Amino acid sequence: MFANRFTAFIDACTLAGALKRNLLLSLAEAEFFRVRWSACVLDETEKAIAKILFEKGAADSEERAGRARASMEAAFEEALVTEFDNFLCDCEGLPDPADAHVVAAALKTQAAMIVTENLKHFPQEMLTPLNIEVKSADAFIADTIALDPGRAVAAIRQMRLRFKNPEKTGEALLLDMEAIGLTETVDALRSHVLSL
């Protein structure tokens, strides 16, 4: 319903955490928006997932990170943005020049939004002339839920039902979201907790 008119480029820092990644991809799967990323973003995401898993004591952290990346690529075959080097010249002046690839790929795919946790790396005054908005995952997910709360809650419920080890109640899921700073998302979902 919304997929034909809205594209979001998702930065690696947002995809690294399992719950944010699951929420974003569940909403993309429900066709609220078209998700886009680049090979560089996927490389960074895979390394970050491996690091998170290693720090949690997983002996097979690199293998599991590779599987997570492969699952993302298989589920969203059209998400990969390539051949965006020509747009790098439009990205000069970013606080961190290493982030230019994110803006260049977003420009190439005509994304309306960059979803990132590094908001200060993507000043809105630089992105507005490029017709790109930047939001945190929390703000983006909350805004997406507001588009159609019934459909969004149904998508998030489907996501929750896939959790098996351990299984989660709707209330537990909201507590997990709150624990990772998704406060706007929790506010958007609080009145729907019995439907989650």
Protein backbone atom coordinates (compact mmCIF):
# COMPACT_ATOMS: atom_id res chain seq x y z
CA MET A 1 0.00 0.00 0.00
CA PHE A 2 2.72 2.48 0.97
CA ALA A 3 5.64 0.73 -0.75
CA ASN A 4 5.24 2.50 -4.07
CA ARG A 5 5.87 5.92 -2.64
CA PHE A 6 8.41 5.69 0.16
CA THR A 7 11.99 4.43 0.30
CA ALA A 8 14.15 4.33 3.42
CA PHE A 9 17.90 3.72 3.40
CA ILE A 10 18.88 1.96 6.63
CA ASP A 11 22.33 2.59 8.12
CA ALA A 12 24.43 -0.21 9.64
CA CYS A 13 24.25 1.14 13.20
CA THR A 14 20.48 0.68 13.07
CA LEU A 15 20.60 -2.83 11.60
CA ALA A 16 23.18 -4.16 14.08
CA GLY A 17 20.81 -4.65 17.02
CA ALA A 18 18.48 -7.62 16.61
CA LEU A 19 15.28 -6.01 17.90
CA LYS A 20 15.57 -2.79 15.86
CA ARG A 21 16.49 -4.85 12.80
CA ASN A 22 13.51 -7.17 13.30
CA LEU A 23 11.10 -4.27 13.80
CA LEU A 24 12.29 -2.38 10.73
CA LEU A 25 12.34 -5.43 8.48
CA SER A 26 8.93 -6.61 9.73
CA LEU A 27 7.43 -3.23 8.81
CA ALA A 28 9.21 -3.29 5.44
CA GLU A 29 7.91 -6.82 4.86
CA ALA A 30 4.40 -5.47 5.58
CA GLU A 31 5.06 -2.99 2.74
CA PHE A 32 5.02 0.22 4.76
CA PHE A 33 8.20 1.28 2.97
CA ARG A 34 10.86 -0.02 0.62
CA VAL A 35 14.06 -0.85 2.49
CA ARG A 36 17.43 -0.10 0.90
CA TRP A 37 21.06 -0.69 1.91
CA SER A 38 24.46 -1.08 0.25
CA ALA A 39 27.12 -3.78 0.38
CA CYS A 40 29.18 -1.48 2.59
CA VAL A 41 26.28 -1.12 5.03
CA LEU A 42 25.79 -4.90 5.04
CA ASP A 43 29.53 -5.44 5.64
CA GLU A 44 29.43 -3.05 8.61
CA THR A 45 26.21 -4.66 9.87
CA GLU A 46 27.67 -8.16 9.70
CA LYS A 47 30.79 -7.09 11.62
CA ALA A 48 28.68 -5.32 14.25
CA ILE A 49 26.38 -8.33 14.71
CA ALA A 50 29.41 -10.61 15.08
CA LYS A 51 30.89 -8.27 17.70
CA ILE A 52 27.63 -8.12 19.66
CA LEU A 53 27.30 -11.91 19.61
CA PHE A 54 30.96 -12.42 20.54
CA GLU A 55 30.57 -10.06 23.51
CA LYS A 56 27.58 -12.16 24.60
CA GLY A 57 29.82 -15.25 24.56
CA ALA A 58 28.69 -16.85 21.30
CA ALA A 59 31.45 -19.11 19.99
CA ASP A 60 29.96 -19.05 16.48
CA SER A 61 29.42 -15.27 16.34
CA GLU A 62 30.86 -14.79 12.83
CA GLU A 63 28.86 -17.68 11.40
CA ARG A 64 25.63 -16.41 12.98
CA ALA A 65 26.31 -12.88 11.73
CA GLY A 66 26.83 -14.27 8.24
CA ARG A 67 23.53 -16.12 8.45
CA ALA A 68 21.75 -12.96 9.61
CA ARG A 69 23.14 -11.06 6.62
CA ALA A 70 22.22 -13.86 4.21
CA SER A 71 18.66 -13.90 5.59
CA MET A 72 18.35 -10.15 5.08
CA GLU A 73 19.64 -10.38 1.53
CA ALA A 74 17.33 -13.29 0.68
CA ALA A 75 14.25 -11.61 2.16
CA PHE A 76 14.90 -8.26 0.45
CA GLU A 77 16.63 -9.08 -2.82
CA GLU A 78 15.73 -5.69 -4.28
CA ALA A 79 17.21 -3.74 -1.34
CA LEU A 80 20.84 -3.63 -2.51
CA VAL A 81 21.92 -0.27 -3.94
CA THR A 82 24.97 -0.40 -6.24
CA GLU A 83 26.93 1.93 -8.51
CA PHE A 84 26.47 5.09 -6.48
CA ASP A 85 30.03 6.47 -6.65
CA ASN A 86 28.88 9.23 -9.02
CA PHE A 87 26.85 10.67 -6.14
CA LEU A 88 29.78 10.94 -3.72
CA CYS A 89 30.58 14.45 -4.97
CA ASP A 90 27.19 15.59 -3.58
CA CYS A 91 28.15 14.36 -0.11
CA GLU A 92 31.12 16.57 0.71
CA GLY A 93 31.14 18.37 4.04
CA LEU A 94 29.64 15.65 6.22
CA PRO A 95 30.97 15.64 9.80
CA ASP A 96 32.40 12.16 9.16
CA PRO A 97 33.52 11.75 5.52
CA ALA A 98 33.33 7.96 5.99
CA ASP A 99 29.53 8.32 5.98
CA ALA A 100 29.42 9.75 2.46
CA HIS A 101 28.64 6.30 1.03
CA VAL A 102 25.34 6.27 2.98
CA VAL A 103 24.17 9.58 1.52
CA ALA A 104 25.41 8.67 -1.96
CA ALA A 105 23.53 5.37 -1.95
CA ALA A 106 20.41 7.08 -0.58
CA LEU A 107 20.61 9.61 -3.42
CA LYS A 108 21.08 6.89 -6.03
CA THR A 109 17.98 5.01 -4.87
CA GLN A 110 15.99 8.25 -4.33
CA ALA A 111 15.40 7.45 -0.68
CA ALA A 112 13.28 9.98 1.17
CA MET A 113 14.76 8.93 4.51
CA ILE A 114 18.02 7.79 6.09
CA VAL A 115 17.39 5.79 9.26
CA THR A 116 20.43 5.96 11.54
CA GLU A 117 21.41 6.25 15.17
CA ASN A 118 24.24 8.64 14.22
CA LEU A 119 22.03 11.68 13.66
CA LYS A 120 24.87 14.12 14.23
CA HIS A 121 26.77 12.53 11.33
CA PHE A 122 23.96 13.52 8.95
CA PRO A 123 23.04 17.17 9.60
CA GLN A 124 19.54 17.92 8.35
CA GLU A 125 20.66 21.26 6.91
CA MET A 126 22.96 19.35 4.53
CA LEU A 127 20.33 16.75 3.61
CA THR A 128 17.31 19.03 3.10
CA PRO A 129 18.61 20.38 -0.24
CA LEU A 130 19.04 16.75 -1.33
CA ASN A 131 15.39 15.96 -0.41
CA ILE A 132 16.46 13.47 2.26
CA GLU A 133 15.27 13.44 5.84
CA VAL A 134 17.17 11.71 8.65
CA LYS A 135 15.57 10.00 11.64
CA SER A 136 16.51 7.63 14.41
CA ALA A 137 15.07 4.13 14.26
CA ASP A 138 12.82 5.01 17.20
CA ALA A 139 11.29 8.07 15.52
CA PHE A 140 11.01 6.29 12.17
CA ILE A 141 9.33 3.18 13.60
CA ALA A 142 6.90 5.30 15.67
CA ASP A 143 6.01 7.38 12.60
CA THR A 144 5.55 4.23 10.54
CA ILE A 145 3.19 2.75 13.14
CA ALA A 146 1.17 5.98 13.04
CA LEU A 147 0.54 5.52 9.29
CA ASP A 148 -1.72 2.55 9.96
CA PRO A 149 -1.62 1.31 13.58
CA GLY A 150 -3.74 -1.78 12.89
CA ARG A 151 -1.51 -3.08 10.10
CA ALA A 152 1.67 -2.13 11.99
CA VAL A 153 0.57 -3.88 15.18
CA ALA A 154 -0.32 -6.98 13.14
CA ALA A 155 3.15 -6.98 11.54
CA ILE A 156 4.88 -6.55 14.91
CA ARG A 157 2.69 -9.30 16.41
CA GLN A 158 3.82 -11.64 13.61
CA MET A 159 7.41 -10.73 14.44
CA ARG A 160 6.84 -11.43 18.15
CA LEU A 161 5.29 -14.82 17.41
CA ARG A 162 8.49 -15.85 15.59
CA PHE A 163 10.47 -15.43 18.82
CA LYS A 164 10.86 -18.91 20.28
CA ASN A 165 13.89 -18.83 22.55
CA PRO A 166 12.48 -17.37 24.69
CA GLU A 167 8.91 -16.70 23.65
CA LYS A 168 7.73 -13.18 24.45
CA THR A 169 4.48 -11.62 25.53
CA GLY A 170 3.45 -8.27 24.12
CA GLU A 171 4.30 -6.62 27.43
CA ALA A 172 7.75 -8.25 27.50
CA LEU A 173 8.37 -7.05 23.97
CA LEU A 174 7.55 -3.47 24.99
CA LEU A 175 9.93 -3.78 27.95
CA ASP A 176 12.68 -4.98 25.58
CA MET A 177 12.00 -2.02 23.29
CA GLU A 178 12.14 0.39 26.21
CA ALA A 179 15.44 -1.14 27.37
CA ILE A 180 17.11 -0.28 24.04
CA GLY A 181 15.72 3.25 23.95
CA LEU A 182 12.73 2.81 21.64
CA THR A 183 10.59 5.07 23.82
CA GLU A 184 8.57 6.71 21.01
CA THR A 185 7.86 3.26 19.59
CA VAL A 186 6.69 2.01 22.98
CA ASP A 187 4.43 5.07 23.33
CA ALA A 188 2.93 4.32 19.90
CA LEU A 189 2.30 0.68 20.85
CA ARG A 190 1.31 0.95 24.52
CA SER A 191 -2.44 1.13 23.90
CA HIS A 192 -2.19 -1.88 21.55
CA VAL A 193 -0.31 -4.17 23.96
CA LEU A 194 -3.16 -6.72 24.12
CA SER A 195 -3.06 -7.04 20.31
CA LEU A 196 0.70 -7.52 20.17
